[in-house]
Amino acid sequence: MSIPTQFPNVTAVAKANVYFDGKVVSHSIFLLDGTKKTLGLIYPGTFHFGTDKAEHMEIVAGECLVKCDGSTEVKTHGASSHFDVPAKSGFDIEVKKGICEYICNFID
């Protein structure tokens, strides 16, 4: 499965989701079927995110290191890769250089 390069016929929320003093920024979009996704940027740093719903994270560009809660394994994810995070969990994500661009898919 390839990572999408565009999403036609969506509703985009103009107000950004800003985390960690602007080092992680995303915008929410809603597909015609009501599915929510976020499109975002992560600048260099290490950040922890908690999850309510399960998430499927697709890396569009750049590179990041990810460690899911409860695991000691750190995995590198580059462009065209993805990782999954269980509901009611969390993950650490680190960007060492440049900007990591991502699509977050929320899984019911």
C-alpha atoms as a PDB file:
ATOM      1  CA  MET A   1       0.000   0.000   0.000  1.00  0.00           C
ATOM      2  CA  SER A   2       1.453   3.366  -0.999  1.00  0.00           C
ATOM      3  CA  ILE A   3       1.204   6.506   1.075  1.00  0.00           C
ATOM      4  CA  PRO A   4      -1.275   9.017  -0.379  1.00  0.00           C
ATOM      5  CA  THR A   5       0.072  12.219  -1.916  1.00  0.00           C
ATOM      6  CA  GLN A   6      -3.259  14.035  -1.822  1.00  0.00           C
ATOM      7  CA  PHE A   7      -6.792  13.773  -0.430  1.00  0.00           C
ATOM      8  CA  PRO A   8      -9.530  15.066  -2.742  1.00  0.00           C
ATOM      9  CA  ASN A   9     -12.931  16.223  -1.457  1.00  0.00           C
ATOM     10  CA  VAL A  10     -12.027  16.732   2.208  1.00  0.00           C
ATOM     11  CA  THR A  11     -12.905  19.236   4.866  1.00  0.00           C
ATOM     12  CA  ALA A  12      -9.740  20.815   6.242  1.00  0.00           C
ATOM     13  CA  VAL A  13      -9.622  22.471   9.650  1.00  0.00           C
ATOM     14  CA  ALA A  14      -7.719  25.765   9.379  1.00  0.00           C
ATOM     15  CA  LYS A  15      -6.736  25.925  13.065  1.00  0.00           C
ATOM     16  CA  ALA A  16      -3.524  23.979  13.607  1.00  0.00           C
ATOM     17  CA  ASN A  17      -2.890  21.440  16.361  1.00  0.00           C
ATOM     18  CA  VAL A  18       0.315  22.771  17.944  1.00  0.00           C
ATOM     19  CA  TYR A  19       2.359  20.716  20.409  1.00  0.00           C
ATOM     20  CA  PHE A  20       5.690  21.117  22.187  1.00  0.00           C
ATOM     21  CA  ASP A  21       6.078  24.866  21.569  1.00  0.00           C
ATOM     22  CA  GLY A  22       5.479  24.473  17.837  1.00  0.00           C
ATOM     23  CA  LYS A  23       7.924  21.627  17.281  1.00  0.00           C
ATOM     24  CA  VAL A  24       5.035  19.351  16.243  1.00  0.00           C
ATOM     25  CA  VAL A  25       2.238  20.869  14.159  1.00  0.00           C
ATOM     26  CA  SER A  26      -0.639  19.181  12.350  1.00  0.00           C
ATOM     27  CA  HIS A  27      -3.913  19.977  10.621  1.00  0.00           C
ATOM     28  CA  SER A  28      -7.000  17.788  10.803  1.00  0.00           C
ATOM     29  CA  ILE A  29      -8.866  16.723   7.696  1.00  0.00           C
ATOM     30  CA  PHE A  30     -12.171  14.877   7.417  1.00  0.00           C
ATOM     31  CA  LEU A  31     -12.942  12.589   4.488  1.00  0.00           C
ATOM     32  CA  LEU A  32     -16.428  12.385   2.983  1.00  0.00           C
ATOM     33  CA  ASP A  33     -17.195   9.300   5.107  1.00  0.00           C
ATOM     34  CA  GLY A  34     -16.330  11.238   8.297  1.00  0.00           C
ATOM     35  CA  THR A  35     -12.917   9.603   8.781  1.00  0.00           C
ATOM     36  CA  LYS A  36     -10.456  11.931  10.535  1.00  0.00           C
ATOM     37  CA  LYS A  37      -6.771  12.150   9.671  1.00  0.00           C
ATOM     38  CA  THR A  38      -4.066  14.583  10.645  1.00  0.00           C
ATOM     39  CA  LEU A  39      -1.284  15.799   8.368  1.00  0.00           C
ATOM     40  CA  GLY A  40       1.714  17.054  10.263  1.00  0.00           C
ATOM     41  CA  LEU A  41       5.322  18.087  10.671  1.00  0.00           C
ATOM     42  CA  ILE A  42       7.757  17.120  13.419  1.00  0.00           C
ATOM     43  CA  TYR A  43      10.865  19.238  13.899  1.00  0.00           C
ATOM     44  CA  PRO A  44      14.050  17.944  15.579  1.00  0.00           C
ATOM     45  CA  GLY A  45      13.563  16.777  19.158  1.00  0.00           C
ATOM     46  CA  THR A  46      12.142  13.914  21.216  1.00  0.00           C
ATOM     47  CA  PHE A  47       8.439  13.884  22.051  1.00  0.00           C
ATOM     48  CA  HIS A  48       5.975  11.566  23.792  1.00  0.00           C
ATOM     49  CA  PHE A  49       2.383  11.198  22.605  1.00  0.00           C
ATOM     50  CA  GLY A  50      -0.460   9.357  24.288  1.00  0.00           C
ATOM     51  CA  THR A  51      -3.194   7.725  22.229  1.00  0.00           C
ATOM     52  CA  ASP A  52      -6.896   7.369  22.857  1.00  0.00           C
ATOM     53  CA  LYS A  53      -7.722   5.587  19.599  1.00  0.00           C
ATOM     54  CA  ALA A  54      -5.336   3.259  17.796  1.00  0.00           C
ATOM     55  CA  GLU A  55      -3.199   5.086  15.232  1.00  0.00           C
ATOM     56  CA  HIS A  56      -1.576   4.129  11.943  1.00  0.00           C
ATOM     57  CA  MET A  57       1.242   6.600  11.279  1.00  0.00           C
ATOM     58  CA  GLU A  58       2.545   6.961   7.723  1.00  0.00           C
ATOM     59  CA  ILE A  59       5.825   8.780   7.154  1.00  0.00           C
ATOM     60  CA  VAL A  60       5.629  10.994   4.059  1.00  0.00           C
ATOM     61  CA  ALA A  61       9.149  12.489   4.205  1.00  0.00           C
ATOM     62  CA  GLY A  62      12.091  12.642   6.571  1.00  0.00           C
ATOM     63  CA  GLU A  63      13.039  10.124   9.218  1.00  0.00           C
ATOM     64  CA  CYS A  64      12.137   9.398  12.834  1.00  0.00           C
ATOM     65  CA  LEU A  65      12.929   6.959  15.619  1.00  0.00           C
ATOM     66  CA  VAL A  66       9.918   5.423  17.383  1.00  0.00           C
ATOM     67  CA  LYS A  67       9.545   3.475  20.626  1.00  0.00           C
ATOM     68  CA  CYS A  68       6.056   2.326  21.563  1.00  0.00           C
ATOM     69  CA  ASP A  69       5.038   2.225  25.228  1.00  0.00           C
ATOM     70  CA  GLY A  70       5.820  -1.131  26.808  1.00  0.00           C
ATOM     71  CA  SER A  71       8.612  -1.904  24.343  1.00  0.00           C
ATOM     72  CA  THR A  72      12.355  -1.418  24.557  1.00  0.00           C
ATOM     73  CA  GLU A  73      12.786  -1.634  20.786  1.00  0.00           C
ATOM     74  CA  VAL A  74      13.485   1.601  18.919  1.00  0.00           C
ATOM     75  CA  LYS A  75      12.703   1.451  15.199  1.00  0.00           C
ATOM     76  CA  THR A  76      13.765   3.839  12.460  1.00  0.00           C
ATOM     77  CA  HIS A  77      11.031   4.928  10.037  1.00  0.00           C
ATOM     78  CA  GLY A  78      11.737   6.820   6.840  1.00  0.00           C
ATOM     79  CA  ALA A  79       9.686   8.050   3.915  1.00  0.00           C
ATOM     80  CA  SER A  80       7.091   5.539   2.672  1.00  0.00           C
ATOM     81  CA  SER A  81       7.143   3.528   5.910  1.00  0.00           C
ATOM     82  CA  HIS A  82       4.564   3.288   8.681  1.00  0.00           C
ATOM     83  CA  PHE A  83       4.025   2.169  12.261  1.00  0.00           C
ATOM     84  CA  ASP A  84       0.995   1.335  14.377  1.00  0.00           C
ATOM     85  CA  VAL A  85       0.232   2.387  17.935  1.00  0.00           C
ATOM     86  CA  PRO A  86      -2.424   0.585  20.022  1.00  0.00           C
ATOM     87  CA  ALA A  87      -5.359   2.454  21.580  1.00  0.00           C
ATOM     88  CA  LYS A  88      -4.939   3.750  25.139  1.00  0.00           C
ATOM     89  CA  SER A  89      -1.169   3.641  24.731  1.00  0.00           C
ATOM     90  CA  GLY A  90       1.581   5.966  23.589  1.00  0.00           C
ATOM     91  CA  PHE A  91       4.911   6.328  21.877  1.00  0.00           C
ATOM     92  CA  ASP A  92       8.146   8.294  21.902  1.00  0.00           C
ATOM     93  CA  ILE A  93       9.173   9.824  18.587  1.00  0.00           C
ATOM     94  CA  GLU A  94      12.508  11.439  17.840  1.00  0.00           C
ATOM     95  CA  VAL A  95      13.611  13.450  14.823  1.00  0.00           C
ATOM     96  CA  LYS A  96      17.365  13.993  14.738  1.00  0.00           C
ATOM     97  CA  LYS A  97      17.584  16.347  11.747  1.00  0.00           C
ATOM     98  CA  GLY A  98      15.378  17.987   9.170  1.00  0.00           C
ATOM     99  CA  ILE A  99      11.610  17.681   9.298  1.00  0.00           C
ATOM    100  CA  CYS A 100       9.544  14.498   9.470  1.00  0.00           C
ATOM    101  CA  GLU A 101       6.219  14.745   7.622  1.00  0.00           C
ATOM    102  CA  TYR A 102       3.435  12.336   8.533  1.00  0.00           C
ATOM    103  CA  ILE A 103      -0.170  11.275   8.062  1.00  0.00           C
ATOM    104  CA  CYS A 104      -1.920  10.005  11.207  1.00  0.00           C
ATOM    105  CA  ASN A 105      -4.850   7.687  10.567  1.00  0.00           C
ATOM    106  CA  PHE A 106      -7.141   7.151  13.541  1.00  0.00           C
ATOM    107  CA  ILE A 107      -8.416   3.569  13.781  1.00  0.00           C
ATOM    108  CA  ASP A 108     -11.750   2.795  15.461  1.00  0.00           C
END
